[in-house]
């Protein structure tokens, strides 16, 4: 079984890293929301009403998708780090199962 128990300066540094990752994930999500509120990035109803979908609209959707992808990647990294720092958190072995004692070991 692989377990991470962070203590001392390592714990402080890793927790600082977790805080920075979470802040960046939150900022990327806020940027995404901001882009989605712009006219160029509104849904298909707005596009049909205005009868416009050009370069600016395509770029706005690409930018929004990039921000959402950035948020998801940073959030996943922050979640994994948080999992490692949580008491009793264990890393899973191959195949997704937690390694444990064999029945014959008892």
C-alpha atoms as a PDB file:
ATOM      1  CA  UNK A   1       0.000   0.000   0.000  1.00  0.00           C
ATOM      2  CA  UNK A   2       1.335   3.462  -0.895  1.00  0.00           C
ATOM      3  CA  UNK A   3       0.448   6.271   1.495  1.00  0.00           C
ATOM      4  CA  UNK A   4       1.657   9.861   1.575  1.00  0.00           C
ATOM      5  CA  UNK A   5       2.034  11.472   4.954  1.00  0.00           C
ATOM      6  CA  UNK A   6       3.299  15.018   4.488  1.00  0.00           C
ATOM      7  CA  UNK A   7       4.872  16.660   7.502  1.00  0.00           C
ATOM      8  CA  UNK A   8       6.868  19.753   8.301  1.00  0.00           C
ATOM      9  CA  UNK A   9       8.197  22.032   5.540  1.00  0.00           C
ATOM     10  CA  UNK A  10       7.107  19.616   2.811  1.00  0.00           C
ATOM     11  CA  UNK A  11       3.537  19.791   4.081  1.00  0.00           C
ATOM     12  CA  UNK A  12       3.632  23.604   4.088  1.00  0.00           C
ATOM     13  CA  UNK A  13       5.104  23.739   0.571  1.00  0.00           C
ATOM     14  CA  UNK A  14       2.634  21.219  -0.817  1.00  0.00           C
ATOM     15  CA  UNK A  15      -0.313  22.956   0.832  1.00  0.00           C
ATOM     16  CA  UNK A  16       0.937  26.246  -0.638  1.00  0.00           C
ATOM     17  CA  UNK A  17       1.065  24.592  -4.043  1.00  0.00           C
ATOM     18  CA  UNK A  18      -2.468  23.288  -3.541  1.00  0.00           C
ATOM     19  CA  UNK A  19      -3.677  26.803  -2.701  1.00  0.00           C
ATOM     20  CA  UNK A  20      -2.001  28.235  -5.811  1.00  0.00           C
ATOM     21  CA  UNK A  21      -3.432  25.519  -8.068  1.00  0.00           C
ATOM     22  CA  UNK A  22      -6.905  26.087  -6.649  1.00  0.00           C
ATOM     23  CA  UNK A  23      -6.621  29.855  -7.137  1.00  0.00           C
ATOM     24  CA  UNK A  24      -5.529  29.380 -10.753  1.00  0.00           C
ATOM     25  CA  UNK A  25      -8.372  26.930 -11.372  1.00  0.00           C
ATOM     26  CA  UNK A  26     -10.853  29.411  -9.894  1.00  0.00           C
ATOM     27  CA  UNK A  27      -9.427  32.263 -11.963  1.00  0.00           C
ATOM     28  CA  UNK A  28      -9.627  30.226 -15.167  1.00  0.00           C
ATOM     29  CA  UNK A  29     -13.272  29.429 -14.422  1.00  0.00           C
ATOM     30  CA  UNK A  30     -14.063  33.093 -13.784  1.00  0.00           C
ATOM     31  CA  UNK A  31     -12.345  33.984 -17.074  1.00  0.00           C
ATOM     32  CA  UNK A  32     -14.456  31.327 -18.801  1.00  0.00           C
ATOM     33  CA  UNK A  33     -17.680  32.758 -17.354  1.00  0.00           C
ATOM     34  CA  UNK A  34     -16.608  36.259 -18.401  1.00  0.00           C
ATOM     35  CA  UNK A  35     -16.001  35.124 -21.975  1.00  0.00           C
ATOM     36  CA  UNK A  36     -19.311  33.257 -22.117  1.00  0.00           C
ATOM     37  CA  UNK A  37     -21.187  36.455 -21.235  1.00  0.00           C
ATOM     38  CA  UNK A  38     -19.857  38.326 -24.260  1.00  0.00           C
ATOM     39  CA  UNK A  39     -22.149  38.688 -27.262  1.00  0.00           C
ATOM     40  CA  UNK A  40     -19.726  36.755 -29.488  1.00  0.00           C
ATOM     41  CA  UNK A  41     -19.969  33.712 -27.224  1.00  0.00           C
ATOM     42  CA  UNK A  42     -23.712  33.561 -26.633  1.00  0.00           C
ATOM     43  CA  UNK A  43     -25.682  30.449 -27.574  1.00  0.00           C
ATOM     44  CA  UNK A  44     -27.165  29.470 -30.901  1.00  0.00           C
ATOM     45  CA  UNK A  45     -30.359  31.437 -30.253  1.00  0.00           C
ATOM     46  CA  UNK A  46     -28.414  34.703 -30.241  1.00  0.00           C
ATOM     47  CA  UNK A  47     -26.551  33.667 -33.387  1.00  0.00           C
ATOM     48  CA  UNK A  48     -29.818  32.916 -35.217  1.00  0.00           C
ATOM     49  CA  UNK A  49     -31.401  36.156 -34.033  1.00  0.00           C
ATOM     50  CA  UNK A  50     -28.439  38.271 -35.155  1.00  0.00           C
ATOM     51  CA  UNK A  51     -27.741  36.042 -38.171  1.00  0.00           C
ATOM     52  CA  UNK A  52     -24.017  36.320 -37.474  1.00  0.00           C
ATOM     53  CA  UNK A  53     -21.389  33.687 -36.860  1.00  0.00           C
ATOM     54  CA  UNK A  54     -18.053  34.899 -38.074  1.00  0.00           C
ATOM     55  CA  UNK A  55     -14.400  34.955 -37.090  1.00  0.00           C
ATOM     56  CA  UNK A  56     -15.029  36.854 -33.837  1.00  0.00           C
ATOM     57  CA  UNK A  57     -17.661  34.369 -32.695  1.00  0.00           C
ATOM     58  CA  UNK A  58     -15.497  31.379 -33.551  1.00  0.00           C
ATOM     59  CA  UNK A  59     -12.531  32.894 -31.707  1.00  0.00           C
ATOM     60  CA  UNK A  60     -14.720  33.651 -28.670  1.00  0.00           C
ATOM     61  CA  UNK A  61     -15.897  30.031 -28.507  1.00  0.00           C
ATOM     62  CA  UNK A  62     -12.334  28.715 -28.896  1.00  0.00           C
ATOM     63  CA  UNK A  63     -11.084  31.044 -26.152  1.00  0.00           C
ATOM     64  CA  UNK A  64     -13.904  29.970 -23.837  1.00  0.00           C
ATOM     65  CA  UNK A  65     -13.181  26.298 -24.500  1.00  0.00           C
ATOM     66  CA  UNK A  66      -9.497  26.901 -23.707  1.00  0.00           C
ATOM     67  CA  UNK A  67     -10.359  28.582 -20.399  1.00  0.00           C
ATOM     68  CA  UNK A  68     -12.725  25.768 -19.438  1.00  0.00           C
ATOM     69  CA  UNK A  69     -10.089  23.167 -20.325  1.00  0.00           C
ATOM     70  CA  UNK A  70      -7.513  25.057 -18.265  1.00  0.00           C
ATOM     71  CA  UNK A  71      -9.912  25.171 -15.328  1.00  0.00           C
ATOM     72  CA  UNK A  72     -10.614  21.443 -15.548  1.00  0.00           C
ATOM     73  CA  UNK A  73      -6.930  20.501 -15.736  1.00  0.00           C
ATOM     74  CA  UNK A  74      -5.934  22.731 -12.825  1.00  0.00           C
ATOM     75  CA  UNK A  75      -8.912  21.586 -10.767  1.00  0.00           C
ATOM     76  CA  UNK A  76      -8.044  17.946 -11.372  1.00  0.00           C
ATOM     77  CA  UNK A  77      -4.460  18.573 -10.262  1.00  0.00           C
ATOM     78  CA  UNK A  78      -5.680  20.415  -7.153  1.00  0.00           C
ATOM     79  CA  UNK A  79      -8.111  17.600  -6.350  1.00  0.00           C
ATOM     80  CA  UNK A  80      -5.380  14.973  -6.643  1.00  0.00           C
ATOM     81  CA  UNK A  81      -3.059  16.977  -4.423  1.00  0.00           C
ATOM     82  CA  UNK A  82      -5.847  17.510  -1.882  1.00  0.00           C
ATOM     83  CA  UNK A  83      -6.512  13.772  -1.901  1.00  0.00           C
ATOM     84  CA  UNK A  84      -2.863  13.099  -1.094  1.00  0.00           C
ATOM     85  CA  UNK A  85      -2.917  15.570   1.781  1.00  0.00           C
ATOM     86  CA  UNK A  86      -6.149  14.257   3.279  1.00  0.00           C
ATOM     87  CA  UNK A  87      -5.647  11.961   6.274  1.00  0.00           C
ATOM     88  CA  UNK A  88      -6.276   8.303   5.457  1.00  0.00           C
ATOM     89  CA  UNK A  89      -6.006   9.010   1.727  1.00  0.00           C
ATOM     90  CA  UNK A  90      -4.463   6.122  -0.132  1.00  0.00           C
ATOM     91  CA  UNK A  91      -3.133   5.832  -3.638  1.00  0.00           C
ATOM     92  CA  UNK A  92      -4.855   3.163  -5.686  1.00  0.00           C
ATOM     93  CA  UNK A  93      -2.877   0.316  -7.111  1.00  0.00           C
ATOM     94  CA  UNK A  94      -3.021  -0.956 -10.700  1.00  0.00           C
ATOM     95  CA  UNK A  95      -6.529  -1.741 -11.886  1.00  0.00           C
ATOM     96  CA  UNK A  96      -8.111   0.839  -9.581  1.00  0.00           C
ATOM     97  CA  UNK A  97      -8.250  -1.407  -6.514  1.00  0.00           C
ATOM     98  CA  UNK A  98      -6.597  -0.652  -3.231  1.00  0.00           C
ATOM     99  CA  UNK A  99      -3.856  -3.105  -2.416  1.00  0.00           C
ATOM    100  CA  UNK A 100      -4.559  -4.951   0.805  1.00  0.00           C
ATOM    101  CA  UNK A 101      -3.380  -7.959   2.747  1.00  0.00           C
ATOM    102  CA  UNK A 102      -3.967 -11.282   1.104  1.00  0.00           C
ATOM    103  CA  UNK A 103      -6.374 -13.690   2.814  1.00  0.00           C
ATOM    104  CA  UNK A 104      -3.517 -16.131   3.433  1.00  0.00           C
ATOM    105  CA  UNK A 105      -1.497 -13.443   5.263  1.00  0.00           C
ATOM    106  CA  UNK A 106      -3.851 -13.486   8.288  1.00  0.00           C
END
